């Protein structure tokens, strides 16, 4: 936090007057102790963001890179299903394709 903000605010509080006074194109107040790059330097910001790690669910992931699959690779197929089947599985929300697969696997295990 720069010295101006440090003197006027407690840590973790937003200075809404300062936010409201900021105009598009105004330089962002910055001092070296504020962070790893000057946010007014577009090239430095772009470089920092390109190298930054993305954290999801407490795990570090890189943008555009997928980790190893947890389960064996599945095959992509095109399958025509009746509207009733699609509506039934979609009614429970996201994950409907996984539920269709689970139902098919259970059917296979039961046998003919």
PDB file of N, CA and C in Angstrom:
ATOM      1  N   UNK A   1       0.860  -1.174   0.000  1.00  0.00           N
ATOM      2  CA  UNK A   1       0.000   0.000   0.000  1.00  0.00           C
ATOM      3  C   UNK A   1       0.896   1.224   0.000  1.00  0.00           C
ATOM      4  N   UNK A   2       0.600   2.203  -0.847  1.00  0.00           N
ATOM      5  CA  UNK A   2       1.455   3.379  -0.882  1.00  0.00           C
ATOM      6  C   UNK A   2       1.226   4.233   0.363  1.00  0.00           C
ATOM      7  N   UNK A   3       2.150   5.144   0.611  1.00  0.00           N
ATOM      8  CA  UNK A   3       2.120   5.923   1.847  1.00  0.00           C
ATOM      9  C   UNK A   3       0.848   6.757   1.996  1.00  0.00           C
ATOM     10  N   UNK A   4       0.338   7.306   0.881  1.00  0.00           N
ATOM     11  CA  UNK A   4      -0.881   8.119   0.944  1.00  0.00           C
ATOM     12  C   UNK A   4      -2.045   7.277   1.440  1.00  0.00           C
ATOM     13  N   UNK A   5      -2.232   6.102   0.848  1.00  0.00           N
ATOM     14  CA  UNK A   5      -3.318   5.223   1.248  1.00  0.00           C
ATOM     15  C   UNK A   5      -3.089   4.695   2.658  1.00  0.00           C
ATOM     16  N   UNK A   6      -1.828   4.421   2.994  1.00  0.00           N
ATOM     17  CA  UNK A   6      -1.497   3.892   4.309  1.00  0.00           C
ATOM     18  C   UNK A   6      -1.890   4.873   5.418  1.00  0.00           C
ATOM     19  N   UNK A   7      -1.688   6.149   5.175  1.00  0.00           N
ATOM     20  CA  UNK A   7      -2.001   7.159   6.173  1.00  0.00           C
ATOM     21  C   UNK A   7      -3.502   7.367   6.339  1.00  0.00           C
ATOM     22  N   UNK A   8      -4.271   7.156   5.289  1.00  0.00           N
ATOM     23  CA  UNK A   8      -5.697   7.471   5.355  1.00  0.00           C
ATOM     24  C   UNK A   8      -6.590   6.268   5.611  1.00  0.00           C
ATOM     25  N   UNK A   9      -6.088   5.069   5.498  1.00  0.00           N
ATOM     26  CA  UNK A   9      -6.942   3.886   5.596  1.00  0.00           C
ATOM     27  C   UNK A   9      -6.318   2.817   6.490  1.00  0.00           C
ATOM     28  N   UNK A  10      -7.179   2.011   7.061  1.00  0.00           N
ATOM     29  CA  UNK A  10      -6.723   0.820   7.749  1.00  0.00           C
ATOM     30  C   UNK A  10      -6.566  -0.280   6.710  1.00  0.00           C
ATOM     31  N   UNK A  11      -5.692  -1.237   6.971  1.00  0.00           N
ATOM     32  CA  UNK A  11      -5.481  -2.337   6.029  1.00  0.00           C
ATOM     33  C   UNK A  11      -6.798  -3.067   5.761  1.00  0.00           C
ATOM     34  N   UNK A  12      -7.073  -3.333   4.504  1.00  0.00           N
ATOM     35  CA  UNK A  12      -8.257  -4.095   4.134  1.00  0.00           C
ATOM     36  C   UNK A  12      -9.498  -3.253   3.892  1.00  0.00           C
ATOM     37  N   UNK A  13      -9.429  -1.953   4.101  1.00  0.00           N
ATOM     38  CA  UNK A  13     -10.577  -1.092   3.851  1.00  0.00           C
ATOM     39  C   UNK A  13     -10.418  -0.419   2.495  1.00  0.00           C
ATOM     40  N   UNK A  14     -11.521  -0.204   1.804  1.00  0.00           N
ATOM     41  CA  UNK A  14     -11.492   0.455   0.506  1.00  0.00           C
ATOM     42  C   UNK A  14     -11.776   1.942   0.677  1.00  0.00           C
ATOM     43  N   UNK A  15     -10.969   2.755   0.060  1.00  0.00           N
ATOM     44  CA  UNK A  15     -11.169   4.187   0.076  1.00  0.00           C
ATOM     45  C   UNK A  15     -12.070   4.530  -1.111  1.00  0.00           C
ATOM     46  N   UNK A  16     -13.378   4.544  -0.891  1.00  0.00           N
ATOM     47  CA  UNK A  16     -14.341   4.728  -1.968  1.00  0.00           C
ATOM     48  C   UNK A  16     -14.279   6.123  -2.560  1.00  0.00           C
ATOM     49  N   UNK A  17     -13.892   7.125  -1.794  1.00  0.00           N
ATOM     50  CA  UNK A  17     -13.735   8.470  -2.347  1.00  0.00           C
ATOM     51  C   UNK A  17     -12.624   8.474  -3.389  1.00  0.00           C
ATOM     52  N   UNK A  18     -11.554   7.796  -3.080  1.00  0.00           N
ATOM     53  CA  UNK A  18     -10.430   7.706  -4.012  1.00  0.00           C
ATOM     54  C   UNK A  18     -10.842   6.942  -5.267  1.00  0.00           C
ATOM     55  N   UNK A  19     -11.613   5.854  -5.095  1.00  0.00           N
ATOM     56  CA  UNK A  19     -12.092   5.068  -6.236  1.00  0.00           C
ATOM     57  C   UNK A  19     -12.987   5.923  -7.119  1.00  0.00           C
ATOM     58  N   UNK A  20     -13.936   6.651  -6.518  1.00  0.00           N
ATOM     59  CA  UNK A  20     -14.874   7.482  -7.274  1.00  0.00           C
ATOM     60  C   UNK A  20     -14.159   8.624  -7.994  1.00  0.00           C
ATOM     61  N   UNK A  21     -13.078   9.127  -7.415  1.00  0.00           N
ATOM     62  CA  UNK A  21     -12.352  10.246  -8.010  1.00  0.00           C
ATOM     63  C   UNK A  21     -11.479   9.814  -9.187  1.00  0.00           C
ATOM     64  N   UNK A  22     -11.195   8.531  -9.286  1.00  0.00           N
ATOM     65  CA  UNK A  22     -10.324   8.038 -10.360  1.00  0.00           C
ATOM     66  C   UNK A  22     -11.023   8.165 -11.709  1.00  0.00           C
ATOM     67  N   UNK A  23     -10.347   8.756 -12.664  1.00  0.00           N
ATOM     68  CA  UNK A  23     -10.877   8.924 -14.019  1.00  0.00           C
ATOM     69  C   UNK A  23     -10.144   7.980 -14.960  1.00  0.00           C
ATOM     70  N   UNK A  24     -10.858   7.505 -15.975  1.00  0.00           N
ATOM     71  CA  UNK A  24     -10.253   6.645 -16.993  1.00  0.00           C
ATOM     72  C   UNK A  24      -9.025   7.351 -17.563  1.00  0.00           C
ATOM     73  N   UNK A  25      -7.920   6.657 -17.613  1.00  0.00           N
ATOM     74  CA  UNK A  25      -6.688   7.233 -18.149  1.00  0.00           C
ATOM     75  C   UNK A  25      -5.771   7.821 -17.096  1.00  0.00           C
ATOM     76  N   UNK A  26      -6.288   8.067 -15.878  1.00  0.00           N
ATOM     77  CA  UNK A  26      -5.428   8.561 -14.806  1.00  0.00           C
ATOM     78  C   UNK A  26      -4.403   7.489 -14.456  1.00  0.00           C
ATOM     79  N   UNK A  27      -3.163   7.873 -14.157  1.00  0.00           N
ATOM     80  CA  UNK A  27      -2.195   6.870 -13.717  1.00  0.00           C
ATOM     81  C   UNK A  27      -2.610   6.288 -12.363  1.00  0.00           C
ATOM     82  N   UNK A  28      -2.313   5.031 -12.178  1.00  0.00           N
ATOM     83  CA  UNK A  28      -2.621   4.355 -10.923  1.00  0.00           C
ATOM     84  C   UNK A  28      -1.494   4.663  -9.941  1.00  0.00           C
ATOM     85  N   UNK A  29      -1.805   5.177  -8.739  1.00  0.00           N
ATOM     86  CA  UNK A  29      -0.743   5.451  -7.762  1.00  0.00           C
ATOM     87  C   UNK A  29       0.040   4.168  -7.477  1.00  0.00           C
ATOM     88  N   UNK A  30       1.370   4.255  -7.549  1.00  0.00           N
ATOM     89  CA  UNK A  30       2.203   3.067  -7.390  1.00  0.00           C
ATOM     90  C   UNK A  30       3.531   3.417  -6.766  1.00  0.00           C
ATOM     91  N   UNK A  31       3.954   2.563  -5.821  1.00  0.00           N
ATOM     92  CA  UNK A  31       5.297   2.625  -5.255  1.00  0.00           C
ATOM     93  C   UNK A  31       5.852   1.212  -5.294  1.00  0.00           C
ATOM     94  N   UNK A  32       7.151   1.081  -5.342  1.00  0.00           N
ATOM     95  CA  UNK A  32       7.799  -0.227  -5.517  1.00  0.00           C
ATOM     96  C   UNK A  32       7.323  -1.283  -4.524  1.00  0.00           C
ATOM     97  N   UNK A  33       7.030  -0.872  -3.277  1.00  0.00           N
ATOM     98  CA  UNK A  33       6.602  -1.861  -2.274  1.00  0.00           C
ATOM     99  C   UNK A  33       5.156  -2.332  -2.495  1.00  0.00           C
ATOM    100  N   UNK A  34       4.439  -1.693  -3.440  1.00  0.00           N
ATOM    101  CA  UNK A  34       3.048  -2.076  -3.707  1.00  0.00           C
ATOM    102  C   UNK A  34       2.925  -3.427  -4.410  1.00  0.00           C
ATOM    103  N   UNK A  35       3.915  -3.820  -5.177  1.00  0.00           N
ATOM    104  CA  UNK A  35       3.780  -5.085  -5.894  1.00  0.00           C
ATOM    105  C   UNK A  35       4.910  -5.329  -6.860  1.00  0.00           C
ATOM    106  N   UNK A  36       4.790  -6.421  -7.625  1.00  0.00           N
ATOM    107  CA  UNK A  36       5.895  -6.858  -8.480  1.00  0.00           C
ATOM    108  C   UNK A  36       6.085  -6.047  -9.756  1.00  0.00           C
ATOM    109  N   UNK A  37       5.122  -5.213 -10.145  1.00  0.00           N
ATOM    110  CA  UNK A  37       5.256  -4.429 -11.370  1.00  0.00           C
ATOM    111  C   UNK A  37       4.462  -3.140 -11.244  1.00  0.00           C
ATOM    112  N   UNK A  38       4.805  -2.178 -12.066  1.00  0.00           N
ATOM    113  CA  UNK A  38       4.084  -0.911 -12.104  1.00  0.00           C
ATOM    114  C   UNK A  38       2.855  -1.098 -12.989  1.00  0.00           C
ATOM    115  N   UNK A  39       1.641  -0.981 -12.446  1.00  0.00           N
ATOM    116  CA  UNK A  39       0.437  -1.210 -13.243  1.00  0.00           C
ATOM    117  C   UNK A  39       0.246  -0.171 -14.346  1.00  0.00           C
ATOM    118  N   UNK A  40       1.010   0.916 -14.329  1.00  0.00           N
ATOM    119  CA  UNK A  40       0.936   1.929 -15.380  1.00  0.00           C
ATOM    120  C   UNK A  40       1.799   1.565 -16.584  1.00  0.00           C
ATOM    121  N   UNK A  41       2.650   0.566 -16.438  1.00  0.00           N
ATOM    122  CA  UNK A  41       3.526   0.108 -17.517  1.00  0.00           C
ATOM    123  C   UNK A  41       2.852  -1.099 -18.171  1.00  0.00           C
ATOM    124  N   UNK A  42       2.176  -0.875 -19.291  1.00  0.00           N
ATOM    125  CA  UNK A  42       1.386  -1.926 -19.941  1.00  0.00           C
ATOM    126  C   UNK A  42       2.229  -3.152 -20.289  1.00  0.00           C
ATOM    127  N   UNK A  43       3.441  -2.946 -20.766  1.00  0.00           N
ATOM    128  CA  UNK A  43       4.290  -4.081 -21.144  1.00  0.00           C
ATOM    129  C   UNK A  43       4.680  -4.905 -19.916  1.00  0.00           C
ATOM    130  N   UNK A  44       5.014  -4.226 -18.818  1.00  0.00           N
ATOM    131  CA  UNK A  44       5.369  -4.936 -17.583  1.00  0.00           C
ATOM    132  C   UNK A  44       4.172  -5.720 -17.055  1.00  0.00           C
ATOM    133  N   UNK A  45       2.996  -5.117 -17.101  1.00  0.00           N
ATOM    134  CA  UNK A  45       1.785  -5.806 -16.637  1.00  0.00           C
ATOM    135  C   UNK A  45       1.496  -7.022 -17.496  1.00  0.00           C
ATOM    136  N   UNK A  46       1.603  -6.877 -18.822  1.00  0.00           N
ATOM    137  CA  UNK A  46       1.346  -7.992 -19.744  1.00  0.00           C
ATOM    138  C   UNK A  46       2.339  -9.140 -19.492  1.00  0.00           C
ATOM    139  N   UNK A  47       3.614  -8.795 -19.337  1.00  0.00           N
ATOM    140  CA  UNK A  47       4.641  -9.809 -19.080  1.00  0.00           C
ATOM    141  C   UNK A  47       4.375 -10.532 -17.766  1.00  0.00           C
ATOM    142  N   UNK A  48       4.026  -9.772 -16.733  1.00  0.00           N
ATOM    143  CA  UNK A  48       3.763 -10.384 -15.424  1.00  0.00           C
ATOM    144  C   UNK A  48       2.577 -11.337 -15.508  1.00  0.00           C
ATOM    145  N   UNK A  49       1.499 -10.911 -16.181  1.00  0.00           N
ATOM    146  CA  UNK A  49       0.312 -11.764 -16.301  1.00  0.00           C
ATOM    147  C   UNK A  49       0.586 -13.018 -17.126  1.00  0.00           C
ATOM    148  N   UNK A  50       1.420 -12.923 -18.161  1.00  0.00           N
ATOM    149  CA  UNK A  50       1.759 -14.091 -18.975  1.00  0.00           C
ATOM    150  C   UNK A  50       2.519 -15.131 -18.155  1.00  0.00           C
ATOM    151  N   UNK A  51       3.300 -14.678 -17.207  1.00  0.00           N
ATOM    152  CA  UNK A  51       4.116 -15.586 -16.390  1.00  0.00           C
ATOM    153  C   UNK A  51       3.425 -16.022 -15.100  1.00  0.00           C
ATOM    154  N   UNK A  52       2.308 -15.379 -14.780  1.00  0.00           N
ATOM    155  CA  UNK A  52       1.628 -15.640 -13.504  1.00  0.00           C
ATOM    156  C   UNK A  52       0.986 -17.029 -13.497  1.00  0.00           C
ATOM    157  N   UNK A  53       0.966 -17.629 -12.323  1.00  0.00           N
ATOM    158  CA  UNK A  53       0.267 -18.890 -12.128  1.00  0.00           C
ATOM    159  C   UNK A  53      -1.173 -18.585 -11.758  1.00  0.00           C
ATOM    160  N   UNK A  54      -2.068 -19.429 -12.197  1.00  0.00           N
ATOM    161  CA  UNK A  54      -3.468 -19.304 -11.870  1.00  0.00           C
ATOM    162  C   UNK A  54      -3.760 -20.312 -10.771  1.00  0.00           C
ATOM    163  N   UNK A  55      -4.442 -19.885  -9.725  1.00  0.00           N
ATOM    164  CA  UNK A  55      -4.750 -20.772  -8.609  1.00  0.00           C
ATOM    165  C   UNK A  55      -6.247 -21.049  -8.612  1.00  0.00           C
ATOM    166  N   UNK A  56      -6.605 -22.331  -8.662  1.00  0.00           N
ATOM    167  CA  UNK A  56      -8.006 -22.749  -8.601  1.00  0.00           C
ATOM    168  C   UNK A  56      -8.132 -23.816  -7.528  1.00  0.00           C
ATOM    169  N   UNK A  57      -9.052 -23.594  -6.617  1.00  0.00           N
ATOM    170  CA  UNK A  57      -9.274 -24.576  -5.559  1.00  0.00           C
ATOM    171  C   UNK A  57      -8.026 -24.851  -4.746  1.00  0.00           C
ATOM    172  N   UNK A  58      -7.193 -23.842  -4.585  1.00  0.00           N
ATOM    173  CA  UNK A  58      -5.981 -24.008  -3.800  1.00  0.00           C
ATOM    174  C   UNK A  58      -4.848 -24.689  -4.543  1.00  0.00           C
ATOM    175  N   UNK A  59      -5.070 -25.049  -5.819  1.00  0.00           N
ATOM    176  CA  UNK A  59      -4.034 -25.708  -6.613  1.00  0.00           C
ATOM    177  C   UNK A  59      -3.578 -24.769  -7.720  1.00  0.00           C
ATOM    178  N   UNK A  60      -2.284 -24.778  -7.976  1.00  0.00           N
ATOM    179  CA  UNK A  60      -1.721 -23.927  -9.011  1.00  0.00           C
ATOM    180  C   UNK A  60      -1.886 -24.615 -10.360  1.00  0.00           C
ATOM    181  N   UNK A  61      -2.483 -23.905 -11.292  1.00  0.00           N
ATOM    182  CA  UNK A  61      -2.626 -24.405 -12.661  1.00  0.00           C
ATOM    183  C   UNK A  61      -2.131 -23.326 -13.612  1.00  0.00           C
ATOM    184  N   UNK A  62      -1.654 -23.702 -14.737  1.00  0.00           N
ATOM    185  CA  UNK A  62      -1.215 -22.732 -15.743  1.00  0.00           C
ATOM    186  C   UNK A  62      -2.332 -22.531 -16.745  1.00  0.00           C
ATOM    187  N   UNK A  63      -2.452 -21.343 -17.261  1.00  0.00           N
ATOM    188  CA  UNK A  63      -3.481 -21.054 -18.243  1.00  0.00           C
ATOM    189  C   UNK A  63      -3.219 -21.829 -19.520  1.00  0.00           C
ATOM    190  N   UNK A  64      -4.284 -22.419 -20.055  1.00  0.00           N
ATOM    191  CA  UNK A  64      -4.182 -23.093 -21.339  1.00  0.00           C
ATOM    192  C   UNK A  64      -3.509 -24.445 -21.293  1.00  0.00           C
ATOM    193  N   UNK A  65      -3.161 -24.912 -20.110  1.00  0.00           N
ATOM    194  CA  UNK A  65      -2.520 -26.220 -20.004  1.00  0.00           C
ATOM    195  C   UNK A  65      -3.370 -27.112 -19.125  1.00  0.00           C
ATOM    196  N   UNK A  66      -3.651 -28.276 -19.622  1.00  0.00           N
ATOM    197  CA  UNK A  66      -4.462 -29.232 -18.888  1.00  0.00           C
ATOM    198  C   UNK A  66      -3.553 -30.236 -18.194  1.00  0.00           C
ATOM    199  N   UNK A  67      -3.901 -30.587 -17.000  1.00  0.00           N
ATOM    200  CA  UNK A  67      -3.129 -31.579 -16.255  1.00  0.00           C
ATOM    201  C   UNK A  67      -3.415 -32.982 -16.756  1.00  0.00           C
ATOM    202  N   UNK A  68      -2.715 -33.964 -16.213  1.00  0.00           N
ATOM    203  CA  UNK A  68      -2.940 -35.342 -16.643  1.00  0.00           C
ATOM    204  C   UNK A  68      -4.354 -35.798 -16.292  1.00  0.00           C
ATOM    205  N   UNK A  69      -4.918 -36.650 -17.138  1.00  0.00           N
ATOM    206  CA  UNK A  69      -6.261 -37.156 -16.882  1.00  0.00           C
ATOM    207  C   UNK A  69      -6.248 -38.090 -15.679  1.00  0.00           C
ATOM    208  N   UNK A  70      -7.305 -38.002 -14.887  1.00  0.00           N
ATOM    209  CA  UNK A  70      -7.414 -38.836 -13.692  1.00  0.00           C
ATOM    210  C   UNK A  70      -7.961 -40.208 -14.035  1.00  0.00           C
ATOM    211  N   UNK A  71      -8.719 -40.308 -15.118  1.00  0.00           N
ATOM    212  CA  UNK A  71      -9.328 -41.570 -15.534  1.00  0.00           C
ATOM    213  C   UNK A  71      -8.877 -41.883 -16.953  1.00  0.00           C
ATOM    214  N   UNK A  72      -9.068 -43.125 -17.392  1.00  0.00           N
ATOM    215  CA  UNK A  72      -8.698 -43.463 -18.768  1.00  0.00           C
ATOM    216  C   UNK A  72      -9.400 -42.535 -19.765  1.00  0.00           C
ATOM    217  N   UNK A  73      -8.752 -42.326 -20.883  1.00  0.00           N
ATOM    218  CA  UNK A  73      -9.302 -41.460 -21.920  1.00  0.00           C
ATOM    219  C   UNK A  73     -10.617 -42.012 -22.447  1.00  0.00           C
ATOM    220  N   UNK A  74     -11.568 -41.118 -22.614  1.00  0.00           N
ATOM    221  CA  UNK A  74     -12.860 -41.505 -23.181  1.00  0.00           C
ATOM    222  C   UNK A  74     -12.832 -41.221 -24.668  1.00  0.00           C
ATOM    223  N   UNK A  75     -13.708 -41.863 -25.407  1.00  0.00           N
ATOM    224  CA  UNK A  75     -13.790 -41.661 -26.850  1.00  0.00           C
ATOM    225  C   UNK A  75     -14.958 -40.748 -27.175  1.00  0.00           C
ATOM    226  N   UNK A  76     -14.738 -39.843 -28.111  1.00  0.00           N
ATOM    227  CA  UNK A  76     -15.770 -38.933 -28.556  1.00  0.00           C
ATOM    228  C   UNK A  76     -16.659 -39.648 -29.571  1.00  0.00           C
ATOM    229  N   UNK A  77     -17.964 -39.624 -29.322  1.00  0.00           N
ATOM    230  CA  UNK A  77     -18.917 -40.235 -30.249  1.00  0.00           C
ATOM    231  C   UNK A  77     -20.087 -39.279 -30.464  1.00  0.00           C
ATOM    232  N   UNK A  78     -20.775 -39.488 -31.564  1.00  0.00           N
ATOM    233  CA  UNK A  78     -21.995 -38.749 -31.819  1.00  0.00           C
ATOM    234  C   UNK A  78     -23.131 -39.736 -31.613  1.00  0.00           C
ATOM    235  N   UNK A  79     -24.113 -39.350 -30.825  1.00  0.00           N
ATOM    236  CA  UNK A  79     -25.198 -40.262 -30.453  1.00  0.00           C
ATOM    237  C   UNK A  79     -26.518 -39.517 -30.526  1.00  0.00           C
ATOM    238  N   UNK A  80     -27.480 -40.097 -31.201  1.00  0.00           N
ATOM    239  CA  UNK A  80     -28.801 -39.476 -31.270  1.00  0.00           C
ATOM    240  C   UNK A  80     -29.676 -40.083 -30.182  1.00  0.00           C
ATOM    241  N   UNK A  81     -30.231 -39.200 -29.344  1.00  0.00           N
ATOM    242  CA  UNK A  81     -31.105 -39.637 -28.262  1.00  0.00           C
ATOM    243  C   UNK A  81     -32.439 -38.917 -28.395  1.00  0.00           C
ATOM    244  N   UNK A  82     -33.482 -39.548 -27.896  1.00  0.00           N
ATOM    245  CA  UNK A  82     -34.798 -38.933 -27.969  1.00  0.00           C
ATOM    246  C   UNK A  82     -34.844 -37.697 -27.068  1.00  0.00           C
ATOM    247  N   UNK A  83     -35.709 -36.740 -27.402  1.00  0.00           N
ATOM    248  CA  UNK A  83     -35.838 -35.547 -26.570  1.00  0.00           C
ATOM    249  C   UNK A  83     -36.201 -35.889 -25.122  1.00  0.00           C
ATOM    250  N   UNK A  84     -36.990 -36.932 -24.927  1.00  0.00           N
ATOM    251  CA  UNK A  84     -37.391 -37.320 -23.570  1.00  0.00           C
ATOM    252  C   UNK A  84     -36.176 -37.723 -22.729  1.00  0.00           C
ATOM    253  N   UNK A  85     -35.243 -38.466 -23.346  1.00  0.00           N
ATOM    254  CA  UNK A  85     -34.037 -38.898 -22.621  1.00  0.00           C
ATOM    255  C   UNK A  85     -33.192 -37.672 -22.246  1.00  0.00           C
ATOM    256  N   UNK A  86     -32.984 -36.779 -23.203  1.00  0.00           N
ATOM    257  CA  UNK A  86     -32.182 -35.586 -22.948  1.00  0.00           C
ATOM    258  C   UNK A  86     -32.833 -34.730 -21.853  1.00  0.00           C
ATOM    259  N   UNK A  87     -34.140 -34.497 -21.959  1.00  0.00           N
ATOM    260  CA  UNK A  87     -34.843 -33.688 -20.958  1.00  0.00           C
ATOM    261  C   UNK A  87     -34.751 -34.318 -19.575  1.00  0.00           C
ATOM    262  N   UNK A  88     -34.881 -35.647 -19.509  1.00  0.00           N
ATOM    263  CA  UNK A  88     -34.805 -36.352 -18.222  1.00  0.00           C
ATOM    264  C   UNK A  88     -33.455 -36.106 -17.546  1.00  0.00           C
ATOM    265  N   UNK A  89     -32.368 -36.286 -18.279  1.00  0.00           N
ATOM    266  CA  UNK A  89     -31.043 -36.148 -17.681  1.00  0.00           C
ATOM    267  C   UNK A  89     -30.655 -34.686 -17.447  1.00  0.00           C
ATOM    268  N   UNK A  90     -31.095 -33.784 -18.312  1.00  0.00           N
ATOM    269  CA  UNK A  90     -30.782 -32.366 -18.130  1.00  0.00           C
ATOM    270  C   UNK A  90     -31.581 -31.746 -16.985  1.00  0.00           C
ATOM    271  N   UNK A  91     -32.693 -32.371 -16.616  1.00  0.00           N
ATOM    272  CA  UNK A  91     -33.560 -31.819 -15.566  1.00  0.00           C
ATOM    273  C   UNK A  91     -32.826 -31.689 -14.233  1.00  0.00           C
ATOM    274  N   UNK A  92     -31.827 -32.516 -13.997  1.00  0.00           N
ATOM    275  CA  UNK A  92     -31.071 -32.465 -12.741  1.00  0.00           C
ATOM    276  C   UNK A  92     -29.893 -31.500 -12.799  1.00  0.00           C
ATOM    277  N   UNK A  93     -29.750 -30.776 -13.910  1.00  0.00           N
ATOM    278  CA  UNK A  93     -28.708 -29.754 -14.002  1.00  0.00           C
ATOM    279  C   UNK A  93     -27.416 -30.243 -14.624  1.00  0.00           C
ATOM    280  N   UNK A  94     -26.335 -29.488 -14.386  1.00  0.00           N
ATOM    281  CA  UNK A  94     -25.039 -29.828 -14.979  1.00  0.00           C
ATOM    282  C   UNK A  94     -24.609 -31.247 -14.626  1.00  0.00           C
ATOM    283  N   UNK A  95     -23.857 -31.854 -15.540  1.00  0.00           N
ATOM    284  CA  UNK A  95     -23.385 -33.220 -15.334  1.00  0.00           C
ATOM    285  C   UNK A  95     -24.283 -34.249 -15.983  1.00  0.00           C
ATOM    286  N   UNK A  96     -25.195 -33.791 -16.835  1.00  0.00           N
ATOM    287  CA  UNK A  96     -26.162 -34.712 -17.433  1.00  0.00           C
ATOM    288  C   UNK A  96     -25.496 -35.759 -18.310  1.00  0.00           C
ATOM    289  N   UNK A  97     -24.419 -35.419 -19.013  1.00  0.00           N
ATOM    290  CA  UNK A  97     -23.737 -36.408 -19.856  1.00  0.00           C
ATOM    291  C   UNK A  97     -23.066 -37.476 -18.990  1.00  0.00           C
ATOM    292  N   UNK A  98     -22.518 -37.067 -17.864  1.00  0.00           N
ATOM    293  CA  UNK A  98     -21.900 -38.019 -16.939  1.00  0.00           C
ATOM    294  C   UNK A  98     -22.966 -38.967 -16.380  1.00  0.00           C
ATOM    295  N   UNK A  99     -24.148 -38.428 -16.080  1.00  0.00           N
ATOM    296  CA  UNK A  99     -25.235 -39.289 -15.578  1.00  0.00           C
ATOM    297  C   UNK A  99     -25.698 -40.286 -16.635  1.00  0.00           C
ATOM    298  N   UNK A 100     -25.718 -39.872 -17.892  1.00  0.00           N
ATOM    299  CA  UNK A 100     -26.069 -40.816 -18.960  1.00  0.00           C
ATOM    300  C   UNK A 100     -25.041 -41.938 -19.004  1.00  0.00           C
ATOM    301  N   UNK A 101     -23.756 -41.588 -18.947  1.00  0.00           N
ATOM    302  CA  UNK A 101     -22.711 -42.614 -18.979  1.00  0.00           C
ATOM    303  C   UNK A 101     -22.840 -43.554 -17.782  1.00  0.00           C
ATOM    304  N   UNK A 102     -23.073 -43.001 -16.594  1.00  0.00           N
ATOM    305  CA  UNK A 102     -23.203 -43.829 -15.391  1.00  0.00           C
ATOM    306  C   UNK A 102     -24.366 -44.811 -15.552  1.00  0.00           C
ATOM    307  N   UNK A 103     -25.489 -44.334 -16.096  1.00  0.00           N
ATOM    308  CA  UNK A 103     -26.657 -45.188 -16.306  1.00  0.00           C
ATOM    309  C   UNK A 103     -26.332 -46.310 -17.283  1.00  0.00           C
ATOM    310  N   UNK A 104     -25.620 -45.982 -18.354  1.00  0.00           N
ATOM    311  CA  UNK A 104     -25.236 -47.009 -19.330  1.00  0.00           C
ATOM    312  C   UNK A 104     -24.284 -48.037 -18.717  1.00  0.00           C
ATOM    313  N   UNK A 105     -23.317 -47.575 -17.929  1.00  0.00           N
ATOM    314  CA  UNK A 105     -22.385 -48.510 -17.278  1.00  0.00           C
ATOM    315  C   UNK A 105     -23.108 -49.441 -16.299  1.00  0.00           C
ATOM    316  N   UNK A 106     -24.065 -48.886 -15.544  1.00  0.00           N
ATOM    317  CA  UNK A 106     -24.847 -49.718 -14.626  1.00  0.00           C
ATOM    318  C   UNK A 106     -25.629 -50.767 -15.392  1.00  0.00           C
ATOM    319  N   UNK A 107     -26.156 -50.399 -16.540  1.00  0.00           N
ATOM    320  CA  UNK A 107     -26.906 -51.332 -17.379  1.00  0.00           C
ATOM    321  C   UNK A 107     -26.008 -52.468 -17.867  1.00  0.00           C
ATOM    322  N   UNK A 108     -24.787 -52.114 -18.247  1.00  0.00           N
ATOM    323  CA  UNK A 108     -23.824 -53.129 -18.716  1.00  0.00           C
ATOM    324  C   UNK A 108     -23.497 -54.102 -17.584  1.00  0.00           C
ATOM    325  N   UNK A 109     -23.275 -53.588 -16.385  1.00  0.00           N
ATOM    326  CA  UNK A 109     -22.926 -54.441 -15.238  1.00  0.00           C
ATOM    327  C   UNK A 109     -24.050 -55.395 -14.870  1.00  0.00           C
ATOM    328  N   UNK A 110     -25.306 -54.941 -15.030  1.00  0.00           N
ATOM    329  CA  UNK A 110     -26.440 -55.800 -14.724  1.00  0.00           C
ATOM    330  C   UNK A 110     -26.552 -56.951 -15.710  1.00  0.00           C
ATOM    331  N   UNK A 111     -26.109 -56.712 -16.932  1.00  0.00           N
ATOM    332  CA  UNK A 111     -26.159 -57.744 -17.950  1.00  0.00           C
ATOM    333  C   UNK A 111     -27.509 -57.771 -18.662  1.00  0.00           C
ATOM    334  N   UNK A 112     -27.630 -58.708 -19.623  1.00  0.00           N
ATOM    335  CA  UNK A 112     -28.859 -58.799 -20.420  1.00  0.00           C
ATOM    336  C   UNK A 112     -30.069 -59.234 -19.620  1.00  0.00           C
TER     337      UNK A 112
END
